[in-house]
Protein backbone atom coordinates (compact mmCIF):
# COMPACT_ATOMS: atom_id res chain seq x y z
CA UNK A 1 46.53 48.64 59.64
CA UNK A 2 45.99 50.75 56.44
CA UNK A 3 49.06 51.39 54.44
CA UNK A 4 49.82 55.15 54.61
CA UNK A 5 50.88 56.54 51.28
CA UNK A 6 52.85 59.80 50.89
CA UNK A 7 52.51 62.10 47.90
CA UNK A 8 55.76 63.06 46.25
CA UNK A 9 55.37 66.70 45.04
CA UNK A 10 56.85 67.61 41.66
CA UNK A 11 58.39 70.95 41.07
CA UNK A 12 55.77 72.02 38.64
CA UNK A 13 52.94 71.28 41.06
CA UNK A 14 54.84 73.02 43.96
CA UNK A 15 55.38 76.18 41.81
CA UNK A 16 51.68 76.05 40.70
CA UNK A 17 50.64 76.20 44.44
CA UNK A 18 52.42 79.41 44.91
CA UNK A 19 51.35 80.74 41.54
CA UNK A 20 47.61 80.37 42.31
CA UNK A 21 48.04 81.71 45.88
CA UNK A 22 47.70 78.40 47.83
CA UNK A 23 50.98 79.05 49.38
CA UNK A 24 51.73 82.23 51.46
CA UNK A 25 54.29 84.25 49.45
CA UNK A 26 56.07 84.85 52.88
CA UNK A 27 56.22 81.26 53.85
CA UNK A 28 59.75 79.93 53.95
CA UNK A 29 59.18 76.76 52.17
CA UNK A 30 61.40 74.61 49.81
CA UNK A 31 60.88 71.30 47.91
CA UNK A 32 63.41 68.55 48.86
CA UNK A 33 63.00 65.16 47.36
CA UNK A 34 59.31 65.66 46.82
CA UNK A 35 58.55 66.89 50.29
CA UNK A 36 57.49 70.46 51.01
CA UNK A 37 59.59 71.60 53.98
CA UNK A 38 59.46 74.66 56.12
CA UNK A 39 62.93 76.31 56.35
CA UNK A 40 64.15 77.02 59.78
CA UNK A 41 62.74 80.28 61.02
CA UNK A 42 62.79 82.76 62.23
CA UNK A 43 66.31 83.62 60.89
CA UNK A 44 68.76 84.88 63.64
CA UNK A 45 70.44 88.19 62.95
CA UNK A 46 73.87 86.41 62.94
CA UNK A 47 72.62 84.05 60.26
CA UNK A 48 71.28 86.91 58.13
CA UNK A 49 74.64 88.82 58.63
CA UNK A 50 76.63 85.69 57.47
CA UNK A 51 74.47 85.52 54.39
CA UNK A 52 75.17 89.21 53.57
CA UNK A 53 78.98 88.64 54.20
CA UNK A 54 79.01 85.51 51.87
CA UNK A 55 77.19 87.48 49.19
CA UNK A 56 79.53 90.41 49.34
CA UNK A 57 82.53 88.30 49.37
CA UNK A 58 81.53 86.09 46.47
CA UNK A 59 80.45 89.07 44.44
CA UNK A 60 83.81 90.65 44.88
CA UNK A 61 85.49 87.65 43.25
CA UNK A 62 83.06 86.18 40.66
CA UNK A 63 82.81 88.19 37.44
CA UNK A 64 79.36 89.49 37.12
CA UNK A 65 79.43 88.97 33.22
CA UNK A 66 79.87 85.28 33.66
CA UNK A 67 78.29 84.48 36.98
CA UNK A 68 75.23 85.33 39.14
CA UNK A 69 75.37 85.28 42.76
CA UNK A 70 71.95 84.40 44.08
CA UNK A 71 70.68 84.74 47.57
CA UNK A 72 67.82 82.49 48.82
CA UNK A 73 66.45 81.81 45.35
CA UNK A 74 65.39 78.54 43.83
CA UNK A 75 67.61 76.06 42.10
CA UNK A 76 65.57 73.48 39.91
CA UNK A 77 67.87 70.61 40.64
CA UNK A 78 65.43 67.62 39.53
CA UNK A 79 61.60 67.06 39.10
CA UNK A 80 61.28 66.67 42.90
CA UNK A 81 63.77 69.14 44.31
CA UNK A 82 63.78 73.00 44.20
CA UNK A 83 65.78 74.04 47.30
CA UNK A 84 66.60 77.73 48.04
CA UNK A 85 70.14 77.69 49.20
CA UNK A 86 71.41 80.61 51.34
CA UNK A 87 73.73 81.65 48.44
CA UNK A 88 74.30 80.03 45.03
CA UNK A 89 76.71 80.88 42.19
CA UNK A 90 75.42 79.91 38.83
CA UNK A 91 76.96 80.40 35.42
CA UNK A 92 75.50 83.23 33.29
CA UNK A 93 73.91 86.51 34.21
CA UNK A 94 70.71 87.27 36.00
CA UNK A 95 68.86 87.83 32.76
CA UNK A 96 69.57 84.39 31.79
CA UNK A 97 67.28 82.98 34.39
CA UNK A 98 64.04 85.17 33.47
CA UNK A 99 62.23 82.21 31.97
CA UNK A 100 63.39 79.28 34.32
CA UNK A 101 65.29 78.77 37.45
CA UNK A 102 68.88 77.55 37.05
CA UNK A 103 69.17 73.73 37.28
CA UNK A 104 72.80 73.60 38.49
CA UNK A 105 75.36 75.80 40.27
CA UNK A 106 79.05 76.06 40.55
CA UNK A 107 79.04 76.68 44.16
CA UNK A 108 76.34 76.35 46.85
CA UNK A 109 76.77 77.84 50.37
CA UNK A 110 74.39 77.09 53.38
CA UNK A 111 74.70 79.09 56.53
CA UNK A 112 74.21 76.73 59.46
CA UNK A 113 73.31 77.08 63.09
CA UNK A 114 70.05 75.17 64.01
CA UNK A 115 70.19 73.66 60.56
CA UNK A 116 73.65 72.08 60.78
CA UNK A 117 72.65 68.48 60.89
CA UNK A 118 70.24 68.92 58.08
CA UNK A 119 72.74 70.76 55.85
CA UNK A 120 75.41 68.05 56.62
CA UNK A 121 72.89 65.13 55.60
CA UNK A 122 69.90 65.90 53.39
CA UNK A 123 71.15 69.04 51.84
CA UNK A 124 74.71 67.56 51.06
CA UNK A 125 73.07 64.38 49.69
CA UNK A 126 70.65 66.44 47.43
CA UNK A 127 73.60 68.71 46.13
CA UNK A 128 76.05 65.69 45.65
CA UNK A 129 73.31 63.70 43.73
CA UNK A 130 72.75 66.80 41.55
CA UNK A 131 76.40 66.98 40.83
CA UNK A 132 76.99 70.34 42.57
CA UNK A 133 81.02 70.50 42.47
CA UNK A 134 81.56 72.81 45.41
CA UNK A 135 79.24 72.90 48.48
CA UNK A 136 80.19 74.96 51.57
CA UNK A 137 78.73 75.10 54.91
CA UNK A 138 79.39 78.25 56.97
CA UNK A 139 79.09 76.61 60.34
CA UNK A 140 78.20 79.37 62.82
CA UNK A 141 78.18 77.10 65.74
CA UNK A 142 82.00 76.23 65.47
CA UNK A 143 83.01 79.22 63.36
CA UNK A 144 84.21 76.96 60.69
CA UNK A 145 83.75 76.51 56.99
CA UNK A 146 83.12 72.88 55.88
CA UNK A 147 83.99 72.22 52.22
CA UNK A 148 82.51 69.41 50.51
CA UNK A 149 83.86 68.41 46.99
CA UNK A 150 83.82 65.65 44.34
CA UNK A 151 80.24 64.56 44.37
CA UNK A 152 79.87 60.84 43.42
CA UNK A 153 76.30 59.44 43.70
CA UNK A 154 74.63 60.55 46.89
CA UNK A 155 77.86 61.69 48.70
CA UNK A 156 80.88 63.97 48.52
CA UNK A 157 84.13 62.24 48.40
CA UNK A 158 86.10 65.03 50.05
CA UNK A 159 85.13 67.09 53.08
CA UNK A 160 87.42 69.64 54.55
CA UNK A 161 87.07 71.96 57.57
CA UNK A 162 88.71 75.27 57.51
CA UNK A 163 89.05 77.91 60.24
CA UNK A 164 88.37 81.65 59.79
CA UNK A 165 92.18 82.14 59.55
CA UNK A 166 92.38 80.00 56.41
CA UNK A 167 91.86 80.83 52.72
CA UNK A 168 89.65 79.04 50.14
CA UNK A 169 89.60 78.90 46.29
CA UNK A 170 86.42 78.16 44.69
CA UNK A 171 86.75 75.19 42.05
CA UNK A 172 85.12 77.50 39.36
CA UNK A 173 87.75 80.23 39.88
CA UNK A 174 91.17 78.58 40.51
CA UNK A 175 92.84 82.06 40.22
CA UNK A 176 90.75 83.42 43.07
CA UNK A 177 91.70 83.23 46.70
CA UNK A 178 89.19 84.26 49.44
CA UNK A 179 89.82 84.79 53.15
CA UNK A 180 87.36 82.40 55.06
CA UNK A 181 86.97 85.10 57.63
CA UNK A 182 85.16 87.28 54.91
CA UNK A 183 82.21 84.73 55.12
CA UNK A 184 81.44 85.35 58.69
CA UNK A 185 80.29 88.36 60.63
CA UNK A 186 83.09 90.18 62.32
CA UNK A 187 83.44 89.20 65.95
CA UNK A 188 82.40 91.78 68.51
CA UNK A 189 85.26 93.54 70.26
């Protein structure tokens, strides 16, 4: 048998593929540990609504002169990874990232339904390794918020599950309190 070798894509090469038109601009791709992965699609209306609720909730508490709330935009975490989290909060303003994508975030939020296992494993490992201090999974299946904190190596040391009736304080804003229910679409009557 012949040995099969895989090629690990670097961020620069991945970005060049898009720049020269070899990747469809509408393709939902992200680079994780050198692999080009297709994001789960199509996105359900509940998933899209949750992203919008999260965006609005975070924009209401993070001062826009100190933080940028980014929706499905790249984070250049390392030479082999450029994920596009559903929502990321980065230090600075949107004009600070005209020349390059941010390389870290104070908070990353993924919305999970079909992607729940992937978000709990590969994405959690990636974000922990990158030192993202606050990683949240808005779990649409169980209607819970999974909060991952204290990254060390390839894992988070603390994991907490909150219900929609609880409150959460982002690590970057210890003075802010957010109702978890604001992160979810409102239940139908």
